[in-house]
Protein backbone atom coordinates (compact mmCIF):
# COMPACT_ATOMS: atom_id res chain seq x y z
CA MET A 1 -1.02 14.35 15.16
CA VAL A 2 -4.33 13.36 16.81
CA LEU A 3 -6.32 15.19 14.13
CA ALA A 4 -4.39 13.36 11.40
CA SER A 5 -5.17 10.03 13.08
CA VAL A 6 -8.87 10.87 13.26
CA VAL A 7 -8.89 11.84 9.57
CA LEU A 8 -7.10 8.63 8.63
CA LEU A 9 -9.45 6.43 10.61
CA ALA A 10 -12.57 8.21 9.35
CA GLY A 11 -11.80 7.18 5.76
CA CYS A 12 -11.94 3.44 6.50
CA THR A 13 -15.37 2.65 7.83
CA THR A 14 -17.20 0.75 5.09
CA GLY A 15 -16.50 -1.44 2.09
CA SER A 16 -15.28 -4.67 0.57
CA ARG A 17 -12.93 -5.84 -2.14
CA PRO A 18 -14.97 -5.94 -5.35
CA ALA A 19 -13.42 -6.79 -8.70
CA THR A 20 -13.88 -4.24 -11.50
CA PRO A 21 -11.75 -3.31 -14.49
CA ALA A 22 -8.66 -1.21 -13.77
CA GLY A 23 -9.51 2.47 -13.51
CA GLY A 24 -13.16 1.69 -12.71
CA THR A 25 -15.11 4.62 -11.32
CA ALA A 26 -18.40 3.18 -10.04
CA THR A 27 -19.08 3.97 -6.39
CA THR A 28 -21.64 1.43 -5.27
CA ALA A 29 -21.62 0.99 -1.47
CA ARG A 30 -20.51 -2.41 -0.16
CA ALA A 31 -20.55 -4.24 3.16
CA ALA A 32 -18.08 -3.04 5.82
CA THR A 33 -14.63 -4.66 6.01
CA GLY A 34 -12.50 -2.02 7.72
CA CYS A 35 -8.88 -1.10 7.16
CA ALA A 36 -6.90 -3.95 8.69
CA SER A 37 -3.20 -3.18 8.07
CA GLN A 38 -1.44 -1.36 10.91
CA ILE A 39 1.26 1.24 10.44
CA GLU A 40 4.32 0.10 12.37
CA THR A 41 6.80 2.64 13.72
CA GLY A 42 9.45 0.31 15.12
CA SER A 43 12.61 -0.82 13.38
CA LEU A 44 12.43 -2.39 9.96
CA PRO A 45 13.20 -6.11 9.87
CA ASP A 46 16.76 -7.03 8.85
CA TRP A 47 15.59 -8.24 5.42
CA ALA A 48 14.07 -4.79 4.68
CA ASP A 49 16.72 -2.38 5.97
CA ALA A 50 19.43 -2.74 3.30
CA GLY A 51 20.55 0.61 1.94
CA PHE A 52 19.58 2.64 5.00
CA SER A 53 22.39 4.50 6.75
CA GLU A 54 21.04 3.58 10.19
CA ALA A 55 21.49 -0.01 11.35
CA ALA A 56 17.78 -0.44 12.14
CA PRO A 57 15.83 2.63 10.96
CA ARG A 58 12.60 3.57 12.68
CA ILE A 59 10.34 4.69 9.86
CA PRO A 60 6.59 4.18 9.33
CA HIS A 61 5.92 0.95 7.44
CA VAL A 62 3.15 -1.54 6.71
CA PHE A 63 3.61 -5.30 6.33
CA GLY A 64 1.71 -7.34 3.78
CA ALA A 65 -0.80 -9.79 5.29
CA ASN A 66 1.51 -12.73 4.44
CA GLY A 67 4.63 -10.88 5.60
CA ASP A 68 6.24 -11.20 2.16
CA ILE A 69 6.46 -7.46 1.45
CA VAL A 70 6.71 -4.23 3.41
CA ALA A 71 5.71 -0.72 2.32
CA VAL A 72 8.14 1.81 3.81
CA LEU A 73 6.20 5.09 4.00
CA PHE A 74 8.39 8.11 3.32
CA ALA A 75 5.19 10.18 3.21
CA HIS A 76 3.20 9.73 6.38
CA PRO A 77 0.34 10.08 6.43
CA LEU A 78 -0.30 9.22 2.80
CA GLY A 79 -2.56 11.85 1.30
CA TYR A 80 -5.05 12.33 -1.46
CA LYS A 81 -4.34 15.62 -3.28
CA ARG A 82 -1.27 16.52 -1.23
CA THR A 83 -1.15 20.29 -0.76
CA ASP A 84 2.32 20.51 0.81
CA GLY A 85 4.24 19.78 -2.40
CA SER A 86 5.40 16.36 -1.22
CA ASN A 87 4.74 12.97 -2.84
CA ASN A 88 3.26 9.71 -1.60
CA LYS A 89 6.66 8.01 -1.76
CA ILE A 90 6.65 4.33 -0.83
CA LEU A 91 9.62 1.99 -0.90
CA TRP A 92 8.43 -1.57 -1.49
CA VAL A 93 10.76 -4.22 -0.06
CA SER A 94 10.15 -7.91 -0.71
CA ARG A 95 11.21 -10.58 1.76
CA PRO A 96 13.80 -12.82 0.09
CA ALA A 97 12.07 -15.71 -1.65
CA THR A 98 12.51 -19.19 -0.18
CA ALA A 99 11.99 -20.78 -3.62
CA SER A 100 13.13 -19.81 -7.10
CA PRO A 101 10.85 -17.18 -8.65
CA ASP A 102 8.55 -18.23 -11.47
CA PRO A 103 10.60 -17.50 -14.62
CA THR A 104 7.42 -16.86 -16.62
CA ALA A 105 5.98 -14.32 -14.15
CA SER A 106 6.63 -10.62 -14.51
CA ALA A 107 9.10 -9.17 -12.03
CA ASP A 108 7.12 -5.90 -12.03
CA LEU A 109 5.18 -5.14 -8.86
CA THR A 110 1.53 -4.78 -9.85
CA ILE A 111 -0.64 -2.94 -7.33
CA THR A 112 -4.38 -3.42 -7.76
CA ALA A 113 -6.09 -1.10 -5.29
CA THR A 114 -9.79 -1.00 -4.42
CA LEU A 115 -11.32 1.84 -2.41
CA ASP A 116 -13.16 0.49 0.62
CA GLY A 117 -16.93 0.85 0.23
CA THR A 118 -16.87 1.36 -3.53
CA ASP A 119 -16.24 -0.35 -6.85
CA THR A 120 -13.43 2.13 -7.58
CA GLN A 121 -10.31 0.23 -8.56
CA VAL A 122 -6.96 1.40 -9.91
CA THR A 123 -3.89 -0.50 -11.03
CA GLN A 124 -0.34 0.81 -10.82
CA THR A 125 2.93 -0.86 -11.76
CA VAL A 126 6.37 -0.50 -10.22
CA THR A 127 8.63 -1.46 -13.12
CA GLY A 128 11.29 -4.00 -12.25
CA GLY A 129 9.61 -5.19 -9.09
CA PRO A 130 9.50 -3.93 -5.51
CA GLY A 131 11.45 -0.69 -5.11
CA PRO A 132 10.87 3.05 -4.86
CA SER A 133 7.55 4.43 -6.10
CA ILE A 134 5.06 7.25 -5.91
CA VAL A 135 1.64 5.73 -5.23
CA ASP A 136 -1.22 8.21 -5.54
CA MET A 137 -4.88 7.27 -5.22
CA PRO A 138 -7.83 9.15 -6.74
CA ALA A 139 -9.72 9.55 -3.43
CA ALA A 140 -9.21 9.63 0.32
CA GLY A 141 -10.08 6.53 2.34
CA CYS A 142 -8.93 3.00 2.95
CA TRP A 143 -7.47 1.25 -0.09
CA HIS A 144 -7.23 -2.56 -0.21
CA LEU A 145 -4.11 -3.50 -2.20
CA ALA A 146 -3.51 -6.79 -4.00
CA LEU A 147 0.20 -7.02 -4.77
CA THR A 148 1.83 -9.37 -7.30
CA TRP A 149 5.49 -9.69 -8.37
CA SER A 150 7.73 -12.50 -9.62
CA GLY A 151 4.97 -15.08 -9.14
CA ARG A 152 4.41 -13.96 -5.53
CA THR A 153 1.36 -12.30 -3.98
CA ASP A 154 0.44 -10.43 -0.82
CA THR A 155 -2.19 -7.93 0.31
CA MET A 156 -2.35 -4.86 2.55
CA ASP A 157 -4.52 -1.89 3.34
CA LEU A 158 -3.28 1.70 3.11
CA ARG A 159 -5.13 4.78 4.33
CA TYR A 160 -5.05 8.00 2.31
CA ALA A 161 -6.09 11.16 4.15
CA ALA A 162 -7.90 14.08 2.53
CA GLY A 163 -5.62 17.03 1.74
């Protein structure tokens, strides 16, 4: 467990959030920003625990910076090139909106991820909006995620370990 923590932390030491086209592969070094989002291990909030058999499940999860979305990590730690046959399964749960969603905005959850310290950027879509997904990244390290769905936005950082 300690070794996994060291590997996770080692991948998030430099970088920023540059904008490049989706699927960009340039790897220019940037100024350090760190990997700010913390993995929580306590109970999920009431608004995020629907569908679980336990009343308040204790499962690793990461809150968006605005608190409008949570990534429930069924694979922990997340890994680049998983060798154990498992997937990087993430359940995205959106906090109920306080206002009507923008009817012109896509309900799909769009994840624009930028690898800390590089210009590498990938975009993935969860069709239909927040829900179950497999979110793989092309390299280990700290990924800064910009999340958009139904006219809403939030951000978070996720660490992907090597192997």
